[in-house]
Amino acid sequence: MFTTKTLKVICMWGQELGFRLGGAEVSTVSDRESFNRELGRIIHSKDVGILAIPAHMEDWISKGNQKALQRSVTPLLARYTYPDEWSLAPDTDKYTREMSFRAIGFHFRINL
């Protein structure tokens, strides 16, 4: 019997919107302690197949969670980084509004 595992993203508060708009399940954390609590919960649940974390948070993983990750097949850790500099393409707000409307069915105003 096969079970479906999910993709989950851990990020800092305020950075979750883009991941959620992309359809990812997201947990937000604010510090090392909240990160390790959430990571422990994810490891214990066995529902997550791939866990994306900010690369700098890998150093935050507690020894207990490191051991649990080594003993378990999942979740697989994927590390991501944000660009050092953000730039917007021309007409980004227009395309973002259209994309959001298609995804969620609601119009809203975005000021970039």
PDB file of N, CA and C in Angstrom:
ATOM      1  N   MET A   1       0.840  -1.181   0.000  1.00  0.00           N
ATOM      2  CA  MET A   1       0.000   0.000   0.000  1.00  0.00           C
ATOM      3  C   MET A   1       0.884   1.243   0.000  1.00  0.00           C
ATOM      4  N   PHE A   2       0.547   2.179  -0.848  1.00  0.00           N
ATOM      5  CA  PHE A   2       1.289   3.423  -0.946  1.00  0.00           C
ATOM      6  C   PHE A   2       0.568   4.518  -0.185  1.00  0.00           C
ATOM      7  N   THR A   3       1.346   5.401   0.413  1.00  0.00           N
ATOM      8  CA  THR A   3       0.758   6.573   1.051  1.00  0.00           C
ATOM      9  C   THR A   3       1.335   7.807   0.386  1.00  0.00           C
ATOM     10  N   THR A   4       0.524   8.812   0.291  1.00  0.00           N
ATOM     11  CA  THR A   4       0.970  10.066  -0.301  1.00  0.00           C
ATOM     12  C   THR A   4       1.598  10.925   0.780  1.00  0.00           C
ATOM     13  N   LYS A   5       2.751  11.456   0.481  1.00  0.00           N
ATOM     14  CA  LYS A   5       3.438  12.365   1.400  1.00  0.00           C
ATOM     15  C   LYS A   5       3.355  13.768   0.815  1.00  0.00           C
ATOM     16  N   THR A   6       3.446  14.748   1.678  1.00  0.00           N
ATOM     17  CA  THR A   6       3.299  16.130   1.238  1.00  0.00           C
ATOM     18  C   THR A   6       4.649  16.834   1.148  1.00  0.00           C
ATOM     19  N   LEU A   7       4.629  17.963   0.466  1.00  0.00           N
ATOM     20  CA  LEU A   7       5.741  18.907   0.457  1.00  0.00           C
ATOM     21  C   LEU A   7       5.386  19.981   1.466  1.00  0.00           C
ATOM     22  N   LYS A   8       6.293  20.274   2.353  1.00  0.00           N
ATOM     23  CA  LYS A   8       6.055  21.312   3.354  1.00  0.00           C
ATOM     24  C   LYS A   8       7.229  22.271   3.333  1.00  0.00           C
ATOM     25  N   VAL A   9       6.935  23.538   3.603  1.00  0.00           N
ATOM     26  CA  VAL A   9       7.946  24.588   3.648  1.00  0.00           C
ATOM     27  C   VAL A   9       7.936  25.203   5.036  1.00  0.00           C
ATOM     28  N   ILE A  10       9.117  25.374   5.607  1.00  0.00           N
ATOM     29  CA  ILE A  10       9.261  26.157   6.830  1.00  0.00           C
ATOM     30  C   ILE A  10       9.925  27.461   6.434  1.00  0.00           C
ATOM     31  N   CYS A  11       9.375  28.560   6.922  1.00  0.00           N
ATOM     32  CA  CYS A  11       9.960  29.862   6.620  1.00  0.00           C
ATOM     33  C   CYS A  11       9.753  30.791   7.814  1.00  0.00           C
ATOM     34  N   MET A  12      10.387  31.936   7.758  1.00  0.00           N
ATOM     35  CA  MET A  12      10.226  32.939   8.797  1.00  0.00           C
ATOM     36  C   MET A  12       8.885  33.645   8.596  1.00  0.00           C
ATOM     37  N   TRP A  13       8.365  34.227   9.677  1.00  0.00           N
ATOM     38  CA  TRP A  13       7.133  34.999   9.603  1.00  0.00           C
ATOM     39  C   TRP A  13       7.261  36.075   8.522  1.00  0.00           C
ATOM     40  N   GLY A  14       6.213  36.246   7.745  1.00  0.00           N
ATOM     41  CA  GLY A  14       6.185  37.284   6.725  1.00  0.00           C
ATOM     42  C   GLY A  14       6.681  36.831   5.364  1.00  0.00           C
ATOM     43  N   GLN A  15       7.228  35.619   5.278  1.00  0.00           N
ATOM     44  CA  GLN A  15       7.752  35.123   4.009  1.00  0.00           C
ATOM     45  C   GLN A  15       6.893  34.005   3.426  1.00  0.00           C
ATOM     46  N   GLU A  16       5.787  33.711   4.066  1.00  0.00           N
ATOM     47  CA  GLU A  16       5.007  32.540   3.683  1.00  0.00           C
ATOM     48  C   GLU A  16       4.045  32.747   2.522  1.00  0.00           C
ATOM     49  N   LEU A  17       3.669  33.973   2.223  1.00  0.00           N
ATOM     50  CA  LEU A  17       2.621  34.223   1.240  1.00  0.00           C
ATOM     51  C   LEU A  17       2.940  33.631  -0.134  1.00  0.00           C
ATOM     52  N   GLY A  18       4.137  33.845  -0.619  1.00  0.00           N
ATOM     53  CA  GLY A  18       4.503  33.321  -1.939  1.00  0.00           C
ATOM     54  C   GLY A  18       4.421  31.809  -2.000  1.00  0.00           C
ATOM     55  N   PHE A  19       4.869  31.154  -0.930  1.00  0.00           N
ATOM     56  CA  PHE A  19       4.793  29.693  -0.896  1.00  0.00           C
ATOM     57  C   PHE A  19       3.338  29.224  -0.888  1.00  0.00           C
ATOM     58  N   ARG A  20       2.510  29.910  -0.113  1.00  0.00           N
ATOM     59  CA  ARG A  20       1.097  29.527  -0.046  1.00  0.00           C
ATOM     60  C   ARG A  20       0.390  29.773  -1.378  1.00  0.00           C
ATOM     61  N   LEU A  21       0.708  30.899  -2.030  1.00  0.00           N
ATOM     62  CA  LEU A  21       0.116  31.154  -3.352  1.00  0.00           C
ATOM     63  C   LEU A  21       0.543  30.085  -4.351  1.00  0.00           C
ATOM     64  N   GLY A  22       1.732  29.539  -4.153  1.00  0.00           N
ATOM     65  CA  GLY A  22       2.213  28.466  -5.013  1.00  0.00           C
ATOM     66  C   GLY A  22       1.627  27.107  -4.670  1.00  0.00           C
ATOM     67  N   GLY A  23       0.827  27.039  -3.604  1.00  0.00           N
ATOM     68  CA  GLY A  23       0.155  25.795  -3.254  1.00  0.00           C
ATOM     69  C   GLY A  23       0.866  24.951  -2.214  1.00  0.00           C
ATOM     70  N   ALA A  24       1.938  25.453  -1.640  1.00  0.00           N
ATOM     71  CA  ALA A  24       2.683  24.670  -0.652  1.00  0.00           C
ATOM     72  C   ALA A  24       2.052  24.789   0.731  1.00  0.00           C
ATOM     73  N   GLU A  25       2.162  23.732   1.500  1.00  0.00           N
ATOM     74  CA  GLU A  25       1.793  23.768   2.906  1.00  0.00           C
ATOM     75  C   GLU A  25       2.951  24.438   3.640  1.00  0.00           C
ATOM     76  N   VAL A  26       2.660  25.416   4.474  1.00  0.00           N
ATOM     77  CA  VAL A  26       3.703  26.241   5.083  1.00  0.00           C
ATOM     78  C   VAL A  26       3.555  26.299   6.594  1.00  0.00           C
ATOM     79  N   SER A  27       4.695  26.231   7.276  1.00  0.00           N
ATOM     80  CA  SER A  27       4.749  26.513   8.713  1.00  0.00           C
ATOM     81  C   SER A  27       5.690  27.688   8.898  1.00  0.00           C
ATOM     82  N   THR A  28       5.258  28.654   9.684  1.00  0.00           N
ATOM     83  CA  THR A  28       6.114  29.800   9.949  1.00  0.00           C
ATOM     84  C   THR A  28       6.718  29.664  11.336  1.00  0.00           C
ATOM     85  N   VAL A  29       7.965  30.094  11.451  1.00  0.00           N
ATOM     86  CA  VAL A  29       8.679  30.061  12.725  1.00  0.00           C
ATOM     87  C   VAL A  29       9.339  31.410  12.936  1.00  0.00           C
ATOM     88  N   SER A  30       9.691  31.682  14.190  1.00  0.00           N
ATOM     89  CA  SER A  30      10.309  32.972  14.473  1.00  0.00           C
ATOM     90  C   SER A  30      11.699  32.855  15.079  1.00  0.00           C
ATOM     91  N   ASP A  31      12.059  31.675  15.569  1.00  0.00           N
ATOM     92  CA  ASP A  31      13.364  31.507  16.198  1.00  0.00           C
ATOM     93  C   ASP A  31      13.759  30.032  16.201  1.00  0.00           C
ATOM     94  N   ARG A  32      14.919  29.749  16.770  1.00  0.00           N
ATOM     95  CA  ARG A  32      15.469  28.391  16.812  1.00  0.00           C
ATOM     96  C   ARG A  32      14.535  27.420  17.551  1.00  0.00           C
ATOM     97  N   GLU A  33      13.969  27.862  18.660  1.00  0.00           N
ATOM     98  CA  GLU A  33      13.098  26.997  19.451  1.00  0.00           C
ATOM     99  C   GLU A  33      11.832  26.620  18.692  1.00  0.00           C
ATOM    100  N   SER A  34      11.170  27.611  18.092  1.00  0.00           N
ATOM    101  CA  SER A  34       9.944  27.308  17.345  1.00  0.00           C
ATOM    102  C   SER A  34      10.252  26.455  16.121  1.00  0.00           C
ATOM    103  N   PHE A  35      11.416  26.661  15.520  1.00  0.00           N
ATOM    104  CA  PHE A  35      11.834  25.847  14.383  1.00  0.00           C
ATOM    105  C   PHE A  35      11.969  24.384  14.805  1.00  0.00           C
ATOM    106  N   ASN A  36      12.656  24.125  15.915  1.00  0.00           N
ATOM    107  CA  ASN A  36      12.864  22.747  16.357  1.00  0.00           C
ATOM    108  C   ASN A  36      11.577  22.085  16.839  1.00  0.00           C
ATOM    109  N   ARG A  37      10.675  22.841  17.440  1.00  0.00           N
ATOM    110  CA  ARG A  37       9.368  22.282  17.824  1.00  0.00           C
ATOM    111  C   ARG A  37       8.607  21.828  16.579  1.00  0.00           C
ATOM    112  N   GLU A  38       8.573  22.713  15.569  1.00  0.00           N
ATOM    113  CA  GLU A  38       7.855  22.380  14.332  1.00  0.00           C
ATOM    114  C   GLU A  38       8.534  21.220  13.604  1.00  0.00           C
ATOM    115  N   LEU A  39       9.848  21.229  13.548  1.00  0.00           N
ATOM    116  CA  LEU A  39      10.583  20.144  12.891  1.00  0.00           C
ATOM    117  C   LEU A  39      10.313  18.820  13.596  1.00  0.00           C
ATOM    118  N   GLY A  40      10.340  18.813  14.916  1.00  0.00           N
ATOM    119  CA  GLY A  40      10.042  17.590  15.662  1.00  0.00           C
ATOM    120  C   GLY A  40       8.634  17.080  15.385  1.00  0.00           C
ATOM    121  N   ARG A  41       7.682  17.993  15.311  1.00  0.00           N
ATOM    122  CA  ARG A  41       6.301  17.615  15.003  1.00  0.00           C
ATOM    123  C   ARG A  41       6.193  17.000  13.608  1.00  0.00           C
ATOM    124  N   ILE A  42       6.898  17.591  12.654  1.00  0.00           N
ATOM    125  CA  ILE A  42       6.874  17.094  11.275  1.00  0.00           C
ATOM    126  C   ILE A  42       7.510  15.710  11.189  1.00  0.00           C
ATOM    127  N   ILE A  43       8.637  15.528  11.847  1.00  0.00           N
ATOM    128  CA  ILE A  43       9.314  14.223  11.836  1.00  0.00           C
ATOM    129  C   ILE A  43       8.410  13.161  12.453  1.00  0.00           C
ATOM    130  N   HIS A  44       7.785  13.492  13.546  1.00  0.00           N
ATOM    131  CA  HIS A  44       6.926  12.546  14.259  1.00  0.00           C
ATOM    132  C   HIS A  44       5.667  12.188  13.463  1.00  0.00           C
ATOM    133  N   SER A  45       5.121  13.141  12.701  1.00  0.00           N
ATOM    134  CA  SER A  45       3.863  12.911  11.985  1.00  0.00           C
ATOM    135  C   SER A  45       4.012  11.930  10.829  1.00  0.00           C
ATOM    136  N   LYS A  46       5.172  11.866  10.225  1.00  0.00           N
ATOM    137  CA  LYS A  46       5.439  10.975   9.084  1.00  0.00           C
ATOM    138  C   LYS A  46       4.621  11.308   7.837  1.00  0.00           C
ATOM    139  N   ASP A  47       3.979  12.488   7.797  1.00  0.00           N
ATOM    140  CA  ASP A  47       3.157  12.875   6.647  1.00  0.00           C
ATOM    141  C   ASP A  47       3.938  13.610   5.569  1.00  0.00           C
ATOM    142  N   VAL A  48       5.091  14.173   5.919  1.00  0.00           N
ATOM    143  CA  VAL A  48       5.840  15.032   5.007  1.00  0.00           C
ATOM    144  C   VAL A  48       6.931  14.221   4.315  1.00  0.00           C
ATOM    145  N   GLY A  49       6.945  14.299   2.983  1.00  0.00           N
ATOM    146  CA  GLY A  49       7.974  13.613   2.205  1.00  0.00           C
ATOM    147  C   GLY A  49       9.188  14.490   1.964  1.00  0.00           C
ATOM    148  N   ILE A  50       8.945  15.762   1.636  1.00  0.00           N
ATOM    149  CA  ILE A  50      10.026  16.719   1.393  1.00  0.00           C
ATOM    150  C   ILE A  50       9.756  17.946   2.250  1.00  0.00           C
ATOM    151  N   LEU A  51      10.758  18.348   2.989  1.00  0.00           N
ATOM    152  CA  LEU A  51      10.661  19.530   3.836  1.00  0.00           C
ATOM    153  C   LEU A  51      11.669  20.558   3.350  1.00  0.00           C
ATOM    154  N   ALA A  52      11.172  21.692   2.878  1.00  0.00           N
ATOM    155  CA  ALA A  52      12.036  22.780   2.415  1.00  0.00           C
ATOM    156  C   ALA A  52      12.267  23.741   3.571  1.00  0.00           C
ATOM    157  N   ILE A  53      13.538  24.000   3.867  1.00  0.00           N
ATOM    158  CA  ILE A  53      13.895  24.930   4.943  1.00  0.00           C
ATOM    159  C   ILE A  53      14.891  25.954   4.407  1.00  0.00           C
ATOM    160  N   PRO A  54      14.901  27.160   4.984  1.00  0.00           N
ATOM    161  CA  PRO A  54      15.937  28.113   4.594  1.00  0.00           C
ATOM    162  C   PRO A  54      17.313  27.519   4.920  1.00  0.00           C
ATOM    163  N   ALA A  55      18.269  27.691   4.043  1.00  0.00           N
ATOM    164  CA  ALA A  55      19.596  27.093   4.224  1.00  0.00           C
ATOM    165  C   ALA A  55      20.227  27.474   5.555  1.00  0.00           C
ATOM    166  N   HIS A  56      20.038  28.706   6.002  1.00  0.00           N
ATOM    167  CA  HIS A  56      20.672  29.130   7.252  1.00  0.00           C
ATOM    168  C   HIS A  56      20.083  28.426   8.477  1.00  0.00           C
ATOM    169  N   MET A  57      18.869  27.888   8.350  1.00  0.00           N
ATOM    170  CA  MET A  57      18.248  27.204   9.484  1.00  0.00           C
ATOM    171  C   MET A  57      18.788  25.792   9.701  1.00  0.00           C
ATOM    172  N   GLU A  58      19.539  25.285   8.755  1.00  0.00           N
ATOM    173  CA  GLU A  58      20.108  23.950   8.948  1.00  0.00           C
ATOM    174  C   GLU A  58      20.999  23.929  10.193  1.00  0.00           C
ATOM    175  N   ASP A  59      21.674  25.017  10.466  1.00  0.00           N
ATOM    176  CA  ASP A  59      22.510  25.114  11.668  1.00  0.00           C
ATOM    177  C   ASP A  59      21.675  25.132  12.944  1.00  0.00           C
ATOM    178  N   TRP A  60      20.390  25.397  12.842  1.00  0.00           N
ATOM    179  CA  TRP A  60      19.503  25.467  14.001  1.00  0.00           C
ATOM    180  C   TRP A  60      19.000  24.097  14.443  1.00  0.00           C
ATOM    181  N   ILE A  61      19.153  23.074  13.611  1.00  0.00           N
ATOM    182  CA  ILE A  61      18.583  21.760  13.925  1.00  0.00           C
ATOM    183  C   ILE A  61      19.234  21.200  15.188  1.00  0.00           C
ATOM    184  N   SER A  62      18.397  20.875  16.169  1.00  0.00           N
ATOM    185  CA  SER A  62      18.892  20.342  17.442  1.00  0.00           C
ATOM    186  C   SER A  62      19.476  18.947  17.242  1.00  0.00           C
ATOM    187  N   LYS A  63      20.296  18.515  18.184  1.00  0.00           N
ATOM    188  CA  LYS A  63      20.911  17.185  18.093  1.00  0.00           C
ATOM    189  C   LYS A  63      19.846  16.087  18.064  1.00  0.00           C
ATOM    190  N   GLY A  64      18.792  16.253  18.870  1.00  0.00           N
ATOM    191  CA  GLY A  64      17.714  15.265  18.869  1.00  0.00           C
ATOM    192  C   GLY A  64      17.025  15.166  17.525  1.00  0.00           C
ATOM    193  N   ASN A  65      16.739  16.303  16.905  1.00  0.00           N
ATOM    194  CA  ASN A  65      16.106  16.293  15.583  1.00  0.00           C
ATOM    195  C   ASN A  65      17.065  15.776  14.512  1.00  0.00           C
ATOM    196  N   GLN A  66      18.363  16.067  14.651  1.00  0.00           N
ATOM    197  CA  GLN A  66      19.335  15.526  13.706  1.00  0.00           C
ATOM    198  C   GLN A  66      19.339  13.997  13.752  1.00  0.00           C
ATOM    199  N   LYS A  67      19.320  13.443  14.948  1.00  0.00           N
ATOM    200  CA  LYS A  67      19.302  11.979  15.090  1.00  0.00           C
ATOM    201  C   LYS A  67      18.024  11.395  14.517  1.00  0.00           C
ATOM    202  N   ALA A  68      16.896  12.040  14.777  1.00  0.00           N
ATOM    203  CA  ALA A  68      15.621  11.559  14.246  1.00  0.00           C
ATOM    204  C   ALA A  68      15.610  11.598  12.720  1.00  0.00           C
ATOM    205  N   LEU A  69      16.170  12.650  12.132  1.00  0.00           N
ATOM    206  CA  LEU A  69      16.243  12.747  10.666  1.00  0.00           C
ATOM    207  C   LEU A  69      17.132  11.657  10.086  1.00  0.00           C
ATOM    208  N   GLN A  70      18.224  11.317  10.776  1.00  0.00           N
ATOM    209  CA  GLN A  70      19.122  10.268  10.299  1.00  0.00           C
ATOM    210  C   GLN A  70      18.466   8.892  10.351  1.00  0.00           C
ATOM    211  N   ARG A  71      17.594   8.665  11.334  1.00  0.00           N
ATOM    212  CA  ARG A  71      16.918   7.365  11.481  1.00  0.00           C
ATOM    213  C   ARG A  71      15.746   7.210  10.520  1.00  0.00           C
ATOM    214  N   SER A  72      15.224   8.298  10.012  1.00  0.00           N
ATOM    215  CA  SER A  72      14.005   8.260   9.210  1.00  0.00           C
ATOM    216  C   SER A  72      14.313   8.447   7.726  1.00  0.00           C
ATOM    217  N   VAL A  73      13.515   7.805   6.897  1.00  0.00           N
ATOM    218  CA  VAL A  73      13.662   7.962   5.446  1.00  0.00           C
ATOM    219  C   VAL A  73      13.131   9.320   5.001  1.00  0.00           C
ATOM    220  N   THR A  74      12.038   9.742   5.607  1.00  0.00           N
ATOM    221  CA  THR A  74      11.448  11.038   5.298  1.00  0.00           C
ATOM    222  C   THR A  74      11.269  11.819   6.581  1.00  0.00           C
ATOM    223  N   PRO A  75      11.264  13.102   6.530  1.00  0.00           N
ATOM    224  CA  PRO A  75      11.287  13.943   5.332  1.00  0.00           C
ATOM    225  C   PRO A  75      12.703  14.139   4.802  1.00  0.00           C
ATOM    226  N   LEU A  76      12.783  14.295   3.499  1.00  0.00           N
ATOM    227  CA  LEU A  76      14.032  14.699   2.869  1.00  0.00           C
ATOM    228  C   LEU A  76      14.129  16.211   2.983  1.00  0.00           C
ATOM    229  N   LEU A  77      15.287  16.711   3.385  1.00  0.00           N
ATOM    230  CA  LEU A  77      15.457  18.156   3.527  1.00  0.00           C
ATOM    231  C   LEU A  77      15.886  18.789   2.208  1.00  0.00           C
ATOM    232  N   ALA A  78      15.186  19.818   1.818  1.00  0.00           N
ATOM    233  CA  ALA A  78      15.577  20.648   0.678  1.00  0.00           C
ATOM    234  C   ALA A  78      15.878  22.023   1.252  1.00  0.00           C
ATOM    235  N   ARG A  79      17.024  22.563   0.935  1.00  0.00           N
ATOM    236  CA  ARG A  79      17.419  23.869   1.452  1.00  0.00           C
ATOM    237  C   ARG A  79      17.239  24.918   0.368  1.00  0.00           C
ATOM    238  N   TYR A  80      16.722  26.069   0.743  1.00  0.00           N
ATOM    239  CA  TYR A  80      16.540  27.142  -0.237  1.00  0.00           C
ATOM    240  C   TYR A  80      17.105  28.434   0.329  1.00  0.00           C
ATOM    241  N   THR A  81      17.413  29.343  -0.577  1.00  0.00           N
ATOM    242  CA  THR A  81      17.894  30.669  -0.189  1.00  0.00           C
ATOM    243  C   THR A  81      17.079  31.710  -0.950  1.00  0.00           C
ATOM    244  N   TYR A  82      17.015  32.879  -0.381  1.00  0.00           N
ATOM    245  CA  TYR A  82      16.362  33.996  -1.046  1.00  0.00           C
ATOM    246  C   TYR A  82      17.418  34.778  -1.827  1.00  0.00           C
ATOM    247  N   PRO A  83      17.022  35.430  -2.907  1.00  0.00           N
ATOM    248  CA  PRO A  83      18.000  36.240  -3.639  1.00  0.00           C
ATOM    249  C   PRO A  83      18.487  37.401  -2.771  1.00  0.00           C
ATOM    250  N   ASP A  84      19.748  37.780  -2.972  1.00  0.00           N
ATOM    251  CA  ASP A  84      20.307  38.902  -2.224  1.00  0.00           C
ATOM    252  C   ASP A  84      19.623  40.221  -2.594  1.00  0.00           C
ATOM    253  N   GLU A  85      19.159  40.300  -3.817  1.00  0.00           N
ATOM    254  CA  GLU A  85      18.526  41.533  -4.280  1.00  0.00           C
ATOM    255  C   GLU A  85      17.268  41.178  -5.059  1.00  0.00           C
ATOM    256  N   TRP A  86      16.178  41.822  -4.718  1.00  0.00           N
ATOM    257  CA  TRP A  86      14.915  41.584  -5.408  1.00  0.00           C
ATOM    258  C   TRP A  86      14.705  42.664  -6.459  1.00  0.00           C
ATOM    259  N   SER A  87      14.251  42.262  -7.619  1.00  0.00           N
ATOM    260  CA  SER A  87      13.874  43.243  -8.629  1.00  0.00           C
ATOM    261  C   SER A  87      12.590  42.761  -9.297  1.00  0.00           C
ATOM    262  N   LEU A  88      11.787  43.680  -9.711  1.00  0.00           N
ATOM    263  CA  LEU A  88      10.501  43.357 -10.306  1.00  0.00           C
ATOM    264  C   LEU A  88      10.532  43.624 -11.800  1.00  0.00           C
ATOM    265  N   ALA A  89       9.902  42.733 -12.528  1.00  0.00           N
ATOM    266  CA  ALA A  89       9.774  42.922 -13.966  1.00  0.00           C
ATOM    267  C   ALA A  89       8.714  43.982 -14.222  1.00  0.00           C
ATOM    268  N   PRO A  90       8.777  44.651 -15.381  1.00  0.00           N
ATOM    269  CA  PRO A  90       7.732  45.632 -15.705  1.00  0.00           C
ATOM    270  C   PRO A  90       6.353  44.962 -15.683  1.00  0.00           C
ATOM    271  N   ASP A  91       5.369  45.672 -15.224  1.00  0.00           N
ATOM    272  CA  ASP A  91       3.979  45.196 -15.168  1.00  0.00           C
ATOM    273  C   ASP A  91       3.785  43.991 -14.240  1.00  0.00           C
ATOM    274  N   THR A  92       4.661  43.840 -13.260  1.00  0.00           N
ATOM    275  CA  THR A  92       4.545  42.711 -12.333  1.00  0.00           C
ATOM    276  C   THR A  92       3.225  42.723 -11.600  1.00  0.00           C
ATOM    277  N   ASP A  93       2.785  43.889 -11.167  1.00  0.00           N
ATOM    278  CA  ASP A  93       1.534  43.950 -10.413  1.00  0.00           C
ATOM    279  C   ASP A  93       0.353  43.480 -11.251  1.00  0.00           C
ATOM    280  N   LYS A  94       0.342  43.821 -12.540  1.00  0.00           N
ATOM    281  CA  LYS A  94      -0.746  43.405 -13.428  1.00  0.00           C
ATOM    282  C   LYS A  94      -0.780  41.884 -13.554  1.00  0.00           C
ATOM    283  N   TYR A  95       0.368  41.269 -13.812  1.00  0.00           N
ATOM    284  CA  TYR A  95       0.421  39.822 -13.983  1.00  0.00           C
ATOM    285  C   TYR A  95       0.144  39.093 -12.672  1.00  0.00           C
ATOM    286  N   THR A  96       0.586  39.647 -11.570  1.00  0.00           N
ATOM    287  CA  THR A  96       0.334  39.032 -10.269  1.00  0.00           C
ATOM    288  C   THR A  96      -1.149  39.042  -9.964  1.00  0.00           C
ATOM    289  N   ARG A  97      -1.828  40.151 -10.250  1.00  0.00           N
ATOM    290  CA  ARG A  97      -3.279  40.217 -10.036  1.00  0.00           C
ATOM    291  C   ARG A  97      -4.007  39.164 -10.874  1.00  0.00           C
ATOM    292  N   GLU A  98      -3.612  39.039 -12.149  1.00  0.00           N
ATOM    293  CA  GLU A  98      -4.257  38.069 -13.031  1.00  0.00           C
ATOM    294  C   GLU A  98      -4.008  36.644 -12.549  1.00  0.00           C
ATOM    295  N   MET A  99      -2.776  36.348 -12.178  1.00  0.00           N
ATOM    296  CA  MET A  99      -2.433  35.014 -11.713  1.00  0.00           C
ATOM    297  C   MET A  99      -3.192  34.678 -10.423  1.00  0.00           C
ATOM    298  N   SER A 100      -3.254  35.634  -9.526  1.00  0.00           N
ATOM    299  CA  SER A 100      -3.958  35.405  -8.260  1.00  0.00           C
ATOM    300  C   SER A 100      -5.448  35.176  -8.493  1.00  0.00           C
ATOM    301  N   PHE A 101      -6.035  35.941  -9.401  1.00  0.00           N
ATOM    302  CA  PHE A 101      -7.455  35.756  -9.691  1.00  0.00           C
ATOM    303  C   PHE A 101      -7.708  34.356 -10.247  1.00  0.00           C
ATOM    304  N   ARG A 102      -6.854  33.895 -11.136  1.00  0.00           N
ATOM    305  CA  ARG A 102      -7.018  32.543 -11.680  1.00  0.00           C
ATOM    306  C   ARG A 102      -6.867  31.490 -10.598  1.00  0.00           C
ATOM    307  N   ALA A 103      -5.946  31.713  -9.657  1.00  0.00           N
ATOM    308  CA  ALA A 103      -5.676  30.724  -8.618  1.00  0.00           C
ATOM    309  C   ALA A 103      -6.757  30.674  -7.555  1.00  0.00           C
ATOM    310  N   ILE A 104      -7.263  31.839  -7.124  1.00  0.00           N
ATOM    311  CA  ILE A 104      -8.191  31.840  -5.987  1.00  0.00           C
ATOM    312  C   ILE A 104      -9.572  32.380  -6.327  1.00  0.00           C
ATOM    313  N   GLY A 105      -9.738  32.983  -7.506  1.00  0.00           N
ATOM    314  CA  GLY A 105     -11.044  33.442  -7.915  1.00  0.00           C
ATOM    315  C   GLY A 105     -11.492  34.768  -7.325  1.00  0.00           C
ATOM    316  N   PHE A 106     -10.589  35.517  -6.719  1.00  0.00           N
ATOM    317  CA  PHE A 106     -10.938  36.806  -6.136  1.00  0.00           C
ATOM    318  C   PHE A 106     -10.023  37.886  -6.691  1.00  0.00           C
ATOM    319  N   HIS A 107     -10.583  39.071  -6.905  1.00  0.00           N
ATOM    320  CA  HIS A 107      -9.785  40.219  -7.294  1.00  0.00           C
ATOM    321  C   HIS A 107      -9.345  40.945  -6.042  1.00  0.00           C
ATOM    322  N   PHE A 108      -8.116  41.408  -6.010  1.00  0.00           N
ATOM    323  CA  PHE A 108      -7.647  42.253  -4.934  1.00  0.00           C
ATOM    324  C   PHE A 108      -6.560  43.160  -5.467  1.00  0.00           C
ATOM    325  N   ARG A 109      -6.292  44.226  -4.759  1.00  0.00           N
ATOM    326  CA  ARG A 109      -5.317  45.214  -5.196  1.00  0.00           C
ATOM    327  C   ARG A 109      -3.949  44.894  -4.601  1.00  0.00           C
ATOM    328  N   ILE A 110      -2.940  44.942  -5.450  1.00  0.00           N
ATOM    329  CA  ILE A 110      -1.562  44.721  -5.005  1.00  0.00           C
ATOM    330  C   ILE A 110      -0.771  45.963  -5.350  1.00  0.00           C
ATOM    331  N   ASN A 111      -0.085  46.532  -4.395  1.00  0.00           N
ATOM    332  CA  ASN A 111       0.806  47.663  -4.632  1.00  0.00           C
ATOM    333  C   ASN A 111       2.234  47.207  -4.392  1.00  0.00           C
ATOM    334  N   LEU A 112       3.019  47.157  -5.450  1.00  0.00           N
ATOM    335  CA  LEU A 112       4.424  46.722  -5.331  1.00  0.00           C
ATOM    336  C   LEU A 112       5.347  47.911  -5.378  1.00  0.00           C
TER     337      LEU A 112
END
